[in-house]
Structure formats: C-alpha cells, structure tokens
N, C-alpha and C. Protein backbone atom coordinates (compact mmCIF):
# COMPACT_ATOMS: atom_id res chain seq x y z
N UNK A 1 0.83 -1.18 0.00
CA UNK A 1 0.00 0.00 0.00
C UNK A 1 0.87 1.24 0.00
N UNK A 2 0.24 2.42 -0.16
CA UNK A 2 1.00 3.67 -0.29
C UNK A 2 1.84 3.95 0.95
N UNK A 3 1.30 3.68 2.14
CA UNK A 3 2.05 3.96 3.38
C UNK A 3 3.35 3.17 3.41
N UNK A 4 3.32 1.92 3.00
CA UNK A 4 4.54 1.10 2.98
C UNK A 4 5.53 1.61 1.94
N UNK A 5 5.01 2.01 0.78
CA UNK A 5 5.91 2.52 -0.27
C UNK A 5 6.55 3.83 0.13
N UNK A 6 5.79 4.73 0.78
CA UNK A 6 6.36 6.00 1.23
C UNK A 6 7.33 5.80 2.38
N UNK A 7 7.20 4.70 3.10
CA UNK A 7 8.09 4.43 4.23
C UNK A 7 9.36 3.70 3.80
N UNK A 8 9.51 3.39 2.53
CA UNK A 8 10.67 2.63 2.06
C UNK A 8 11.43 3.38 0.97
N UNK A 9 11.49 4.70 1.08
CA UNK A 9 12.17 5.51 0.06
C UNK A 9 13.45 6.11 0.62
N UNK A 10 14.16 6.82 -0.23
CA UNK A 10 15.30 7.62 0.19
C UNK A 10 14.93 9.09 -0.04
N UNK A 11 15.73 9.98 0.52
CA UNK A 11 15.47 11.40 0.28
C UNK A 11 15.47 11.70 -1.21
N UNK A 12 16.41 11.11 -1.93
CA UNK A 12 16.47 11.30 -3.38
C UNK A 12 15.23 10.79 -4.09
N UNK A 13 14.62 9.74 -3.56
CA UNK A 13 13.40 9.20 -4.14
C UNK A 13 12.25 10.19 -4.09
N UNK A 14 12.25 11.04 -3.09
CA UNK A 14 11.21 12.06 -2.99
C UNK A 14 11.45 13.19 -3.99
N UNK A 15 12.60 13.19 -4.65
CA UNK A 15 12.91 14.19 -5.67
C UNK A 15 12.44 13.75 -7.05
N UNK A 16 12.06 12.49 -7.20
CA UNK A 16 11.62 11.95 -8.50
C UNK A 16 10.13 12.23 -8.67
N UNK A 17 9.83 13.46 -9.07
CA UNK A 17 8.44 13.93 -9.10
C UNK A 17 7.50 13.08 -9.95
N UNK A 18 7.85 12.70 -11.19
CA UNK A 18 6.88 11.93 -11.97
C UNK A 18 6.53 10.59 -11.31
N UNK A 19 7.52 9.89 -10.78
CA UNK A 19 7.26 8.61 -10.13
C UNK A 19 6.46 8.76 -8.85
N UNK A 20 6.76 9.78 -8.07
CA UNK A 20 6.04 10.01 -6.82
C UNK A 20 4.61 10.44 -7.10
N UNK A 21 4.42 11.31 -8.09
CA UNK A 21 3.07 11.75 -8.46
C UNK A 21 2.26 10.55 -8.96
N UNK A 22 2.89 9.66 -9.74
CA UNK A 22 2.19 8.47 -10.23
C UNK A 22 1.78 7.57 -9.07
N UNK A 23 2.65 7.41 -8.07
CA UNK A 23 2.32 6.60 -6.89
C UNK A 23 1.12 7.19 -6.15
N UNK A 24 1.13 8.50 -5.95
CA UNK A 24 0.02 9.15 -5.25
C UNK A 24 -1.28 9.04 -6.06
N UNK A 25 -1.17 9.18 -7.37
CA UNK A 25 -2.35 9.05 -8.23
C UNK A 25 -2.88 7.61 -8.21
N UNK A 26 -1.96 6.66 -8.25
CA UNK A 26 -2.34 5.24 -8.21
C UNK A 26 -3.13 4.91 -6.94
N UNK A 27 -2.87 5.64 -5.88
CA UNK A 27 -3.54 5.37 -4.61
C UNK A 27 -4.70 6.33 -4.32
N UNK A 28 -5.22 6.98 -5.36
CA UNK A 28 -6.48 7.68 -5.20
C UNK A 28 -6.50 9.18 -5.37
N UNK A 29 -5.36 9.84 -5.43
CA UNK A 29 -5.40 11.29 -5.63
C UNK A 29 -5.60 11.59 -7.11
N UNK A 30 -6.34 12.65 -7.41
CA UNK A 30 -6.47 13.03 -8.82
C UNK A 30 -5.11 13.54 -9.30
N UNK A 31 -4.93 13.61 -10.61
CA UNK A 31 -3.62 13.91 -11.18
C UNK A 31 -3.04 15.23 -10.69
N UNK A 32 -3.83 16.30 -10.71
CA UNK A 32 -3.27 17.61 -10.31
C UNK A 32 -2.93 17.64 -8.82
N UNK A 33 -3.76 17.02 -7.99
CA UNK A 33 -3.46 16.97 -6.55
C UNK A 33 -2.22 16.12 -6.30
N UNK A 34 -2.08 15.00 -7.01
CA UNK A 34 -0.91 14.14 -6.85
C UNK A 34 0.36 14.89 -7.22
N UNK A 35 0.32 15.66 -8.30
CA UNK A 35 1.49 16.45 -8.71
C UNK A 35 1.81 17.52 -7.67
N UNK A 36 0.78 18.17 -7.14
CA UNK A 36 0.97 19.19 -6.10
C UNK A 36 1.61 18.60 -4.85
N UNK A 37 1.12 17.45 -4.40
CA UNK A 37 1.64 16.82 -3.19
C UNK A 37 3.05 16.26 -3.43
N UNK A 38 3.32 15.74 -4.62
CA UNK A 38 4.67 15.27 -4.93
C UNK A 38 5.67 16.42 -4.83
N UNK A 39 5.26 17.59 -5.29
CA UNK A 39 6.14 18.78 -5.19
C UNK A 39 6.38 19.15 -3.73
N UNK A 40 5.36 19.01 -2.87
CA UNK A 40 5.55 19.30 -1.45
C UNK A 40 6.51 18.31 -0.80
N UNK A 41 6.38 17.02 -1.13
CA UNK A 41 7.33 16.02 -0.61
C UNK A 41 8.74 16.36 -1.08
N UNK A 42 8.88 16.76 -2.33
CA UNK A 42 10.20 17.11 -2.88
C UNK A 42 10.80 18.31 -2.14
N UNK A 43 9.99 19.32 -1.86
CA UNK A 43 10.47 20.48 -1.11
C UNK A 43 10.94 20.08 0.28
N UNK A 44 10.19 19.20 0.93
CA UNK A 44 10.58 18.74 2.27
C UNK A 44 11.90 17.98 2.21
N UNK A 45 12.08 17.14 1.19
CA UNK A 45 13.34 16.41 1.02
C UNK A 45 14.48 17.39 0.78
N UNK A 46 14.24 18.44 -0.01
CA UNK A 46 15.27 19.46 -0.26
C UNK A 46 15.76 20.09 1.04
N UNK A 47 14.85 20.38 1.95
CA UNK A 47 15.22 20.99 3.22
C UNK A 47 16.13 20.06 4.02
N UNK A 48 15.79 18.77 4.05
CA UNK A 48 16.62 17.82 4.79
C UNK A 48 17.99 17.63 4.13
N UNK A 49 18.03 17.63 2.82
CA UNK A 49 19.30 17.51 2.10
C UNK A 49 20.16 18.76 2.37
N UNK A 50 19.53 19.94 2.34
CA UNK A 50 20.25 21.19 2.62
C UNK A 50 20.77 21.22 4.06
N UNK A 51 20.11 20.50 4.96
CA UNK A 51 20.53 20.46 6.37
C UNK A 51 21.62 19.42 6.60
N UNK A 52 22.04 18.72 5.54
CA UNK A 52 23.17 17.81 5.66
C UNK A 52 22.88 16.34 5.51
N UNK A 53 21.66 15.95 5.27
CA UNK A 53 21.36 14.52 5.06
C UNK A 53 21.64 14.17 3.61
N UNK A 54 22.45 13.13 3.35
CA UNK A 54 22.72 12.72 1.97
C UNK A 54 21.44 12.25 1.26
N UNK A 55 21.40 12.40 -0.05
CA UNK A 55 20.22 12.02 -0.83
C UNK A 55 19.91 10.53 -0.75
N UNK A 56 20.92 9.70 -0.43
CA UNK A 56 20.66 8.26 -0.34
C UNK A 56 20.24 7.82 1.06
N UNK A 57 19.96 8.78 1.94
CA UNK A 57 19.50 8.47 3.29
C UNK A 57 18.10 7.86 3.24
N UNK A 58 17.87 6.72 3.90
CA UNK A 58 16.51 6.19 3.98
C UNK A 58 15.58 7.22 4.61
N UNK A 59 14.41 7.38 4.03
CA UNK A 59 13.46 8.39 4.50
C UNK A 59 12.05 7.82 4.46
N UNK A 60 11.21 8.42 5.25
CA UNK A 60 9.79 8.03 5.28
C UNK A 60 8.95 9.26 4.96
N UNK A 61 7.88 9.04 4.22
CA UNK A 61 6.96 10.12 3.89
C UNK A 61 5.60 9.86 4.50
N UNK A 62 4.97 10.92 4.95
CA UNK A 62 3.64 10.82 5.55
C UNK A 62 2.73 11.84 4.90
N UNK A 63 1.59 11.39 4.44
CA UNK A 63 0.58 12.26 3.84
C UNK A 63 -0.60 12.29 4.81
N UNK A 64 -0.87 13.46 5.36
CA UNK A 64 -1.93 13.60 6.36
C UNK A 64 -2.99 14.55 5.79
N UNK A 65 -4.08 13.99 5.25
CA UNK A 65 -5.10 14.86 4.64
C UNK A 65 -5.87 15.66 5.68
N UNK A 66 -6.31 16.83 5.26
CA UNK A 66 -7.19 17.61 6.10
C UNK A 66 -8.58 16.99 6.06
N UNK A 67 -9.47 17.52 6.88
CA UNK A 67 -10.84 17.02 6.87
C UNK A 67 -11.80 18.15 7.19
N UNK A 68 -13.01 17.96 6.75
CA UNK A 68 -14.07 18.88 7.14
C UNK A 68 -15.11 18.05 7.90
N UNK A 69 -15.74 18.68 8.83
CA UNK A 69 -16.80 18.04 9.60
C UNK A 69 -18.11 18.70 9.21
N UNK A 70 -18.96 17.93 8.56
CA UNK A 70 -20.24 18.45 8.12
C UNK A 70 -21.20 18.54 9.31
N UNK A 71 -21.16 17.53 10.16
CA UNK A 71 -21.97 17.55 11.37
C UNK A 71 -21.36 16.61 12.39
N UNK A 72 -21.68 16.81 13.64
CA UNK A 72 -21.22 15.90 14.68
C UNK A 72 -19.92 16.29 15.35
N UNK A 73 -19.48 17.53 15.20
CA UNK A 73 -18.23 17.95 15.83
C UNK A 73 -18.27 17.66 17.33
N UNK A 74 -17.22 17.05 17.82
CA UNK A 74 -17.04 16.71 19.24
C UNK A 74 -17.97 15.60 19.72
N UNK A 75 -18.66 14.94 18.83
CA UNK A 75 -19.52 13.83 19.28
C UNK A 75 -18.91 12.47 19.02
N UNK A 76 -17.98 12.38 18.05
CA UNK A 76 -17.42 11.08 17.69
C UNK A 76 -16.66 10.42 18.84
N UNK A 77 -15.92 11.19 19.61
CA UNK A 77 -15.16 10.59 20.71
C UNK A 77 -16.04 10.30 21.92
N UNK A 78 -17.28 10.75 21.90
CA UNK A 78 -18.21 10.47 22.99
C UNK A 78 -19.23 9.40 22.58
N UNK A 79 -18.94 8.69 21.48
CA UNK A 79 -19.82 7.62 21.04
C UNK A 79 -20.90 8.06 20.07
N UNK A 80 -20.94 9.33 19.74
CA UNK A 80 -21.94 9.83 18.79
C UNK A 80 -21.47 9.67 17.35
N UNK A 81 -22.26 10.15 16.44
CA UNK A 81 -21.95 10.03 15.02
C UNK A 81 -21.44 11.35 14.47
N UNK A 82 -20.59 11.22 13.47
CA UNK A 82 -20.04 12.38 12.77
C UNK A 82 -20.08 12.12 11.28
N UNK A 83 -20.14 13.17 10.51
CA UNK A 83 -20.05 13.08 9.06
C UNK A 83 -18.82 13.87 8.65
N UNK A 84 -17.79 13.17 8.21
CA UNK A 84 -16.50 13.78 7.87
C UNK A 84 -16.18 13.54 6.41
N UNK A 85 -15.32 14.38 5.87
CA UNK A 85 -14.83 14.18 4.51
C UNK A 85 -13.38 14.64 4.45
N UNK A 86 -12.54 13.86 3.78
CA UNK A 86 -11.14 14.25 3.58
C UNK A 86 -11.10 15.32 2.49
N UNK A 87 -10.15 16.23 2.61
CA UNK A 87 -9.96 17.27 1.61
C UNK A 87 -8.51 17.23 1.13
N UNK A 88 -8.24 17.90 0.03
CA UNK A 88 -6.89 17.82 -0.54
C UNK A 88 -5.87 18.68 0.19
N UNK A 89 -6.29 19.63 1.02
CA UNK A 89 -5.33 20.36 1.84
C UNK A 89 -4.73 19.35 2.81
N UNK A 90 -3.41 19.33 2.92
CA UNK A 90 -2.80 18.25 3.69
C UNK A 90 -1.41 18.65 4.16
N UNK A 91 -0.89 17.86 5.08
CA UNK A 91 0.52 17.94 5.47
C UNK A 91 1.26 16.86 4.70
N UNK A 92 2.39 17.20 4.13
CA UNK A 92 3.28 16.23 3.51
C UNK A 92 4.58 16.30 4.30
N UNK A 93 4.90 15.21 4.97
CA UNK A 93 6.02 15.19 5.91
C UNK A 93 7.04 14.16 5.44
N UNK A 94 8.32 14.52 5.49
CA UNK A 94 9.41 13.60 5.19
C UNK A 94 10.29 13.52 6.43
N UNK A 95 10.62 12.30 6.85
CA UNK A 95 11.45 12.11 8.04
C UNK A 95 12.66 11.23 7.73
N UNK A 96 13.72 11.44 8.50
CA UNK A 96 14.89 10.56 8.48
C UNK A 96 15.25 10.23 9.92
N UNK A 97 15.82 9.06 10.13
CA UNK A 97 16.24 8.67 11.47
C UNK A 97 17.51 9.42 11.86
N UNK A 98 17.70 9.56 13.16
CA UNK A 98 18.90 10.20 13.70
C UNK A 98 19.56 9.25 14.67
N UNK A 99 20.84 9.46 14.91
CA UNK A 99 21.61 8.62 15.83
C UNK A 99 21.61 9.17 17.25
N UNK A 100 21.19 10.43 17.41
CA UNK A 100 21.22 11.04 18.74
C UNK A 100 19.81 11.18 19.30
N UNK A 101 19.70 11.81 20.43
CA UNK A 101 18.41 11.97 21.10
C UNK A 101 17.84 13.36 20.82
N UNK A 102 17.91 13.79 19.58
CA UNK A 102 17.39 15.08 19.17
C UNK A 102 16.31 14.88 18.10
N UNK A 103 15.30 15.67 18.16
CA UNK A 103 14.26 15.68 17.14
C UNK A 103 14.26 17.08 16.53
N UNK A 104 14.63 17.16 15.25
CA UNK A 104 14.73 18.45 14.58
C UNK A 104 13.56 18.62 13.64
N UNK A 105 12.94 19.79 13.68
CA UNK A 105 11.80 20.10 12.83
C UNK A 105 12.18 21.24 11.90
N UNK A 106 11.87 21.06 10.61
CA UNK A 106 12.11 22.09 9.61
C UNK A 106 10.79 22.38 8.90
N UNK A 107 10.69 23.54 8.30
CA UNK A 107 9.53 23.90 7.51
C UNK A 107 10.00 24.33 6.13
N UNK A 108 9.14 24.17 5.16
CA UNK A 108 9.45 24.67 3.83
C UNK A 108 9.03 26.13 3.67
N UNK A 109 8.37 26.68 4.67
CA UNK A 109 7.92 28.08 4.61
C UNK A 109 9.14 29.01 4.65
N UNK A 110 9.17 30.01 3.78
CA UNK A 110 10.29 30.95 3.79
C UNK A 110 10.44 31.63 5.15
N UNK A 111 11.67 31.67 5.64
CA UNK A 111 11.96 32.34 6.90
C UNK A 111 11.58 31.57 8.15
N UNK A 112 11.09 30.35 8.00
CA UNK A 112 10.69 29.57 9.18
C UNK A 112 11.92 29.12 9.94
N UNK A 113 11.81 29.10 11.26
CA UNK A 113 12.92 28.68 12.11
C UNK A 113 12.96 27.16 12.23
N UNK A 114 14.17 26.64 12.41
CA UNK A 114 14.34 25.23 12.75
C UNK A 114 14.12 25.10 14.26
N UNK A 115 13.49 24.01 14.65
CA UNK A 115 13.26 23.74 16.07
C UNK A 115 13.90 22.40 16.40
N UNK A 116 14.69 22.36 17.48
CA UNK A 116 15.30 21.12 17.94
C UNK A 116 14.82 20.85 19.36
N UNK A 117 14.32 19.64 19.55
CA UNK A 117 13.84 19.22 20.87
C UNK A 117 14.58 17.99 21.32
N UNK A 118 14.96 17.93 22.59
CA UNK A 118 15.59 16.72 23.09
C UNK A 118 14.52 15.64 23.29
N UNK A 119 14.92 14.40 23.06
CA UNK A 119 14.02 13.28 23.29
C UNK A 119 14.74 12.26 24.17
N UNK A 120 14.01 11.33 24.68
CA UNK A 120 14.61 10.27 25.48
C UNK A 120 15.30 9.27 24.56
N UNK A 121 16.55 8.94 24.82
CA UNK A 121 17.23 7.95 23.97
C UNK A 121 16.61 6.56 24.10
N UNK A 122 15.75 6.37 25.08
CA UNK A 122 15.11 5.07 25.28
C UNK A 122 13.88 4.87 24.41
N UNK A 123 13.47 5.91 23.68
CA UNK A 123 12.26 5.80 22.83
C UNK A 123 12.56 5.10 21.54
C-alpha cells in the first residue's frame, strides 16, 4: 500500500516527481493533486538535504489529509456520530532517522525557524 511505499524511500526518491506523483495518483489522488503533493514532498526532502542529510538516506513520507466536519463535531469521541470528509489540503512530511536523542523540525515556509527538541534515547 502507499504507506509502505512512502516508508521505504530515500530522500532522493522524494525528488523523483513523476514517479512520486504516479504513486500518489495510483492510490487515489487526482492527477493535479498528486502532482501538487509530490512537489511538497520534494520540497521537504530538499530541506533535509540542505541540512546535511545525503540524498541516499533512507526516508519516510507521511501524507496527512485535512478534513471537514459536516456535522457531529465533538460527538465522535463520545460515542456519537459524525459526518466527515477528507480534503486535498494536507501535510506532507518527510522524516529521516537520527543517531542522537534530538528531534529536529524544519519547515518549507520561507523564513521559518528550525526547532530542535531533546528526546529520550530510550524511545
């Protein structure tokens, strides 16, 4: 499935826009949305490469679609019913493993700051 394929790539693989767009389209996105999201994954990979990760670094991609709630807001977790729909606005995230106990966050937004948080090495 798409989740497994996105979890078995390299940073350089996220730069191959036609192949990535085809994968996203194959798994249900329309062509223009797939191309748009492939470009977002590529931008995220560029940031990690610019930060010093080699292009052949194993990487994972995560596509998190937005949603709209037509009715039932705040009732689903209380056992009630909700009517939801996924939308094409989404987060496209690319991650690489680290050897230390640091979690670094980057954004593709111009002028965005990098954030580094310590984590437990036991996680």
